[in-house]
Protein backbone atom coordinates (compact mmCIF):
# COMPACT_ATOMS: atom_id res chain seq x y z
CA MET A 1 -11.07 10.96 1.72
CA PRO A 2 -10.54 11.31 5.49
CA THR A 3 -11.85 14.31 7.41
CA LEU A 4 -9.50 17.15 8.36
CA ALA A 5 -9.50 15.94 11.97
CA GLU A 6 -8.63 12.38 10.90
CA MET A 7 -5.80 13.66 8.70
CA ARG A 8 -4.33 15.85 11.42
CA ALA A 9 -4.62 13.05 13.99
CA GLN A 10 -2.22 11.07 11.79
CA GLY A 11 0.09 14.05 11.23
CA PHE A 12 -1.09 14.89 7.70
CA GLU A 13 -2.49 18.01 6.07
CA PRO A 14 -4.92 18.20 3.13
CA GLU A 15 -2.09 18.98 0.70
CA ASP A 16 -0.56 15.58 1.54
CA TYR A 17 -3.50 13.92 -0.20
CA GLU A 18 -3.75 14.04 -3.94
CA ASP A 19 -6.91 13.55 -5.91
CA GLU A 20 -7.21 9.83 -6.65
CA ASP A 21 -7.60 10.68 -10.34
CA ASP A 22 -4.10 12.21 -10.46
CA PHE A 23 -2.39 9.06 -11.67
CA ASP A 24 -2.81 6.36 -14.24
CA VAL A 25 -2.13 2.65 -13.94
CA TRP A 26 -0.91 0.88 -17.03
CA PRO A 27 -3.20 -2.01 -18.01
CA GLU A 28 -0.48 -4.61 -17.45
CA ASN A 29 -0.06 -3.34 -13.87
CA TRP A 30 -3.76 -3.24 -13.03
CA PRO A 31 -4.06 -6.77 -11.54
CA ILE A 32 -1.22 -6.24 -9.05
CA PHE A 33 -2.43 -2.72 -8.25
CA GLN A 34 -5.79 -4.26 -7.32
CA VAL A 35 -4.02 -6.70 -4.99
CA PHE A 36 -2.10 -3.84 -3.37
CA CYS A 37 -5.35 -1.92 -2.85
CA ALA A 38 -6.98 -5.03 -1.39
CA VAL A 39 -4.32 -5.27 1.34
CA ARG A 40 -4.33 -1.55 2.10
CA THR A 41 -5.62 -2.21 5.63
CA GLN A 42 -2.95 -4.81 6.41
CA TRP A 43 -0.08 -2.57 7.52
CA ARG A 44 2.02 -3.63 10.48
CA ILE A 45 2.50 -0.76 12.91
CA GLY A 46 5.66 -0.39 14.99
CA GLY A 47 6.01 0.60 18.63
CA MET A 48 6.16 4.32 17.82
CA GLY A 49 3.00 4.15 15.69
CA GLY A 50 4.57 4.25 12.24
CA ALA A 51 3.92 1.67 9.54
CA THR A 52 6.73 -0.89 9.19
CA GLY A 53 5.42 -2.93 6.25
CA LEU A 54 2.60 -5.10 5.05
CA ASP A 55 1.45 -8.22 6.86
CA TYR A 56 2.54 -10.84 4.33
CA ALA A 57 0.37 -13.48 5.98
CA THR A 58 -2.48 -11.71 4.18
CA VAL A 59 -0.61 -10.93 0.96
CA TYR A 60 0.43 -14.49 0.03
CA PRO A 61 -3.03 -16.07 0.12
CA LEU A 62 -4.53 -13.17 -1.80
CA LEU A 63 -1.93 -13.49 -4.54
CA GLU A 64 -2.68 -17.20 -4.81
CA HIS A 65 -6.43 -16.56 -4.81
CA LYS A 66 -5.99 -14.07 -7.65
CA GLY A 67 -4.19 -16.74 -9.69
CA PHE A 68 -0.57 -15.70 -9.28
CA THR A 69 1.40 -18.96 -9.34
CA GLY A 70 4.94 -20.03 -10.12
CA GLN A 71 7.19 -17.22 -11.36
CA ALA A 72 4.19 -14.88 -11.69
CA PHE A 73 3.73 -15.16 -7.90
CA PHE A 74 7.30 -14.00 -7.26
CA ASP A 75 7.07 -11.25 -9.87
CA ALA A 76 3.86 -10.04 -8.25
CA LEU A 77 5.51 -10.13 -4.83
CA ASP A 78 8.35 -7.95 -6.18
CA ASP A 79 5.76 -5.50 -7.51
CA ILE A 80 3.91 -5.43 -4.18
CA GLN A 81 7.18 -4.74 -2.36
CA THR A 82 8.01 -1.89 -4.74
CA MET A 83 4.66 -0.26 -3.99
CA GLU A 84 5.04 -1.04 -0.29
CA PHE A 85 8.43 0.70 -0.05
CA ALA A 86 7.09 3.77 -1.87
CA ALA A 87 4.02 3.86 0.37
CA LEU A 88 6.15 3.54 3.52
CA GLU A 89 8.09 6.64 2.54
CA VAL A 90 4.86 8.62 2.31
CA LEU A 91 3.19 7.06 5.36
CA ASN A 92 6.19 7.68 7.61
CA ARG A 93 7.37 10.99 6.15
CA LYS A 94 5.57 13.07 8.76
CA ARG A 95 6.74 10.90 11.64
CA SER A 96 10.46 11.57 11.30
C-alpha cells in the first residue's frame, strides 16, 4: 500500500484504498485477473496526467505468452477491457 504522501500526491485519500482481501475472484476468472495484474504498470497517461488506458503493445504479447490463442485471446481481451474501463473510472475519479 502506498504511503499517505504518495496517495495524496495522486489526489487520493486512505479511504479510497480498500483492503486487498475485500474481494474474491472466481476460479474461472483467475487467469485473466493475473494478466491484468501483470500489466498494472502499463497505463498510458494523458497530457493532464490522468490514465487514458492500457498500453496494448504490452497486453497482446502477454496474453499470447500465457497461452490465450484463437477465440480465447479475444475473450481474454474483452475481459481485460472490462477491467480496464472499471479501473479508469476509479483512477480518474479524483481528477475530474
